[in-house]
Amino acid sequence: MSEQTKTTQAENALEALQHAVDQVESHPSENKIEEADNALRHAAAAVRQAADSESGAEGLTQRLQEEKSVLDGISEH
């Protein structure tokens, strides 16, 4: 098994976040929101590490912000 780069790890974390946000959109509940919040924290940490250590991670921060905005909009309702 090859070692994942920080960028790949961040991309995977963002995919998990997107899935969690999709779940909240389709089945809003406290449990799903909590899962999405956890995924958001994990993705944010992964994106920070990728941005600190590798080039090519520029789009990750924007993608993280987009998912966070969607989640924030759902949580306000």
Protein backbone atom coordinates (compact mmCIF):
# COMPACT_ATOMS: atom_id res chain seq x y z
CA MET A 1 0.00 0.00 0.00
CA SER A 2 1.49 3.33 -0.99
CA GLU A 3 1.67 6.21 1.40
CA GLN A 4 -0.85 8.93 0.74
CA THR A 5 0.34 12.47 0.33
CA LYS A 6 -1.05 15.21 2.55
CA THR A 7 -2.96 16.55 -0.46
CA THR A 8 -4.53 13.15 -1.14
CA GLN A 9 -5.48 12.81 2.52
CA ALA A 10 -7.07 16.26 2.42
CA GLU A 11 -8.97 15.37 -0.76
CA ASN A 12 -10.25 12.20 0.89
CA ALA A 13 -11.31 14.15 3.98
CA LEU A 14 -13.13 16.64 1.77
CA GLU A 15 -14.93 13.79 0.00
CA ALA A 16 -16.06 12.47 3.39
CA LEU A 17 -17.18 15.98 4.36
CA GLN A 18 -19.15 16.34 1.15
CA HIS A 19 -20.86 13.01 1.81
CA ALA A 20 -21.69 14.07 5.39
CA VAL A 21 -23.11 17.39 4.18
CA ASP A 22 -25.18 15.57 1.55
CA GLN A 23 -26.56 13.33 4.31
CA VAL A 24 -27.54 16.36 6.39
CA GLU A 25 -29.25 17.92 3.37
CA SER A 26 -31.28 14.80 2.63
CA HIS A 27 -31.88 13.60 6.22
CA PRO A 28 -31.42 16.52 8.64
CA SER A 29 -31.06 15.39 12.23
CA GLU A 30 -28.91 16.30 15.21
CA ASN A 31 -26.89 13.12 14.72
CA LYS A 32 -26.18 13.84 11.04
CA ILE A 33 -25.26 17.46 11.83
CA GLU A 34 -22.85 16.26 14.53
CA GLU A 35 -21.28 13.79 12.08
CA ALA A 36 -20.89 16.58 9.51
CA ASP A 37 -19.33 18.89 12.12
CA ASN A 38 -16.81 16.16 12.96
CA ALA A 39 -16.06 15.66 9.27
CA LEU A 40 -15.62 19.42 8.90
CA ARG A 41 -13.06 19.56 11.72
CA HIS A 42 -11.18 16.60 10.27
CA ALA A 43 -11.19 18.08 6.77
CA ALA A 44 -10.06 21.48 8.06
CA ALA A 45 -7.09 19.89 9.83
CA ALA A 46 -6.18 17.84 6.75
CA VAL A 47 -6.40 20.88 4.46
CA ARG A 48 -4.19 22.91 6.85
CA GLN A 49 -1.57 20.17 6.86
CA ALA A 50 -1.65 19.87 3.07
CA ALA A 51 -1.39 23.63 2.61
CA ASP A 52 1.54 23.79 5.03
CA SER A 53 3.50 20.95 3.49
CA GLU A 54 2.77 20.70 -0.23
CA SER A 55 2.16 22.75 -3.29
CA GLY A 56 -0.91 21.97 -5.33
CA ALA A 57 -3.25 22.29 -2.37
CA GLU A 58 -4.62 25.71 -3.33
CA GLY A 59 -8.10 24.55 -4.32
CA LEU A 60 -8.58 22.54 -1.14
CA THR A 61 -9.17 25.58 1.06
CA GLN A 62 -11.81 26.92 -1.32
CA ARG A 63 -13.56 23.56 -1.44
CA LEU A 64 -13.51 23.37 2.37
CA GLN A 65 -15.09 26.84 2.60
CA GLU A 66 -17.81 25.87 0.12
CA GLU A 67 -18.79 22.78 2.13
CA LYS A 68 -18.65 24.76 5.37
CA SER A 69 -20.99 27.37 3.90
CA VAL A 70 -23.50 24.70 2.89
CA LEU A 71 -23.36 23.13 6.33
CA ASP A 72 -23.71 26.51 8.05
CA GLY A 73 -26.78 27.25 5.94
CA ILE A 74 -28.36 23.94 6.92
CA SER A 75 -27.51 24.34 10.61
CA GLU A 76 -29.21 27.75 10.75
CA HIS A 77 -32.60 26.24 9.90
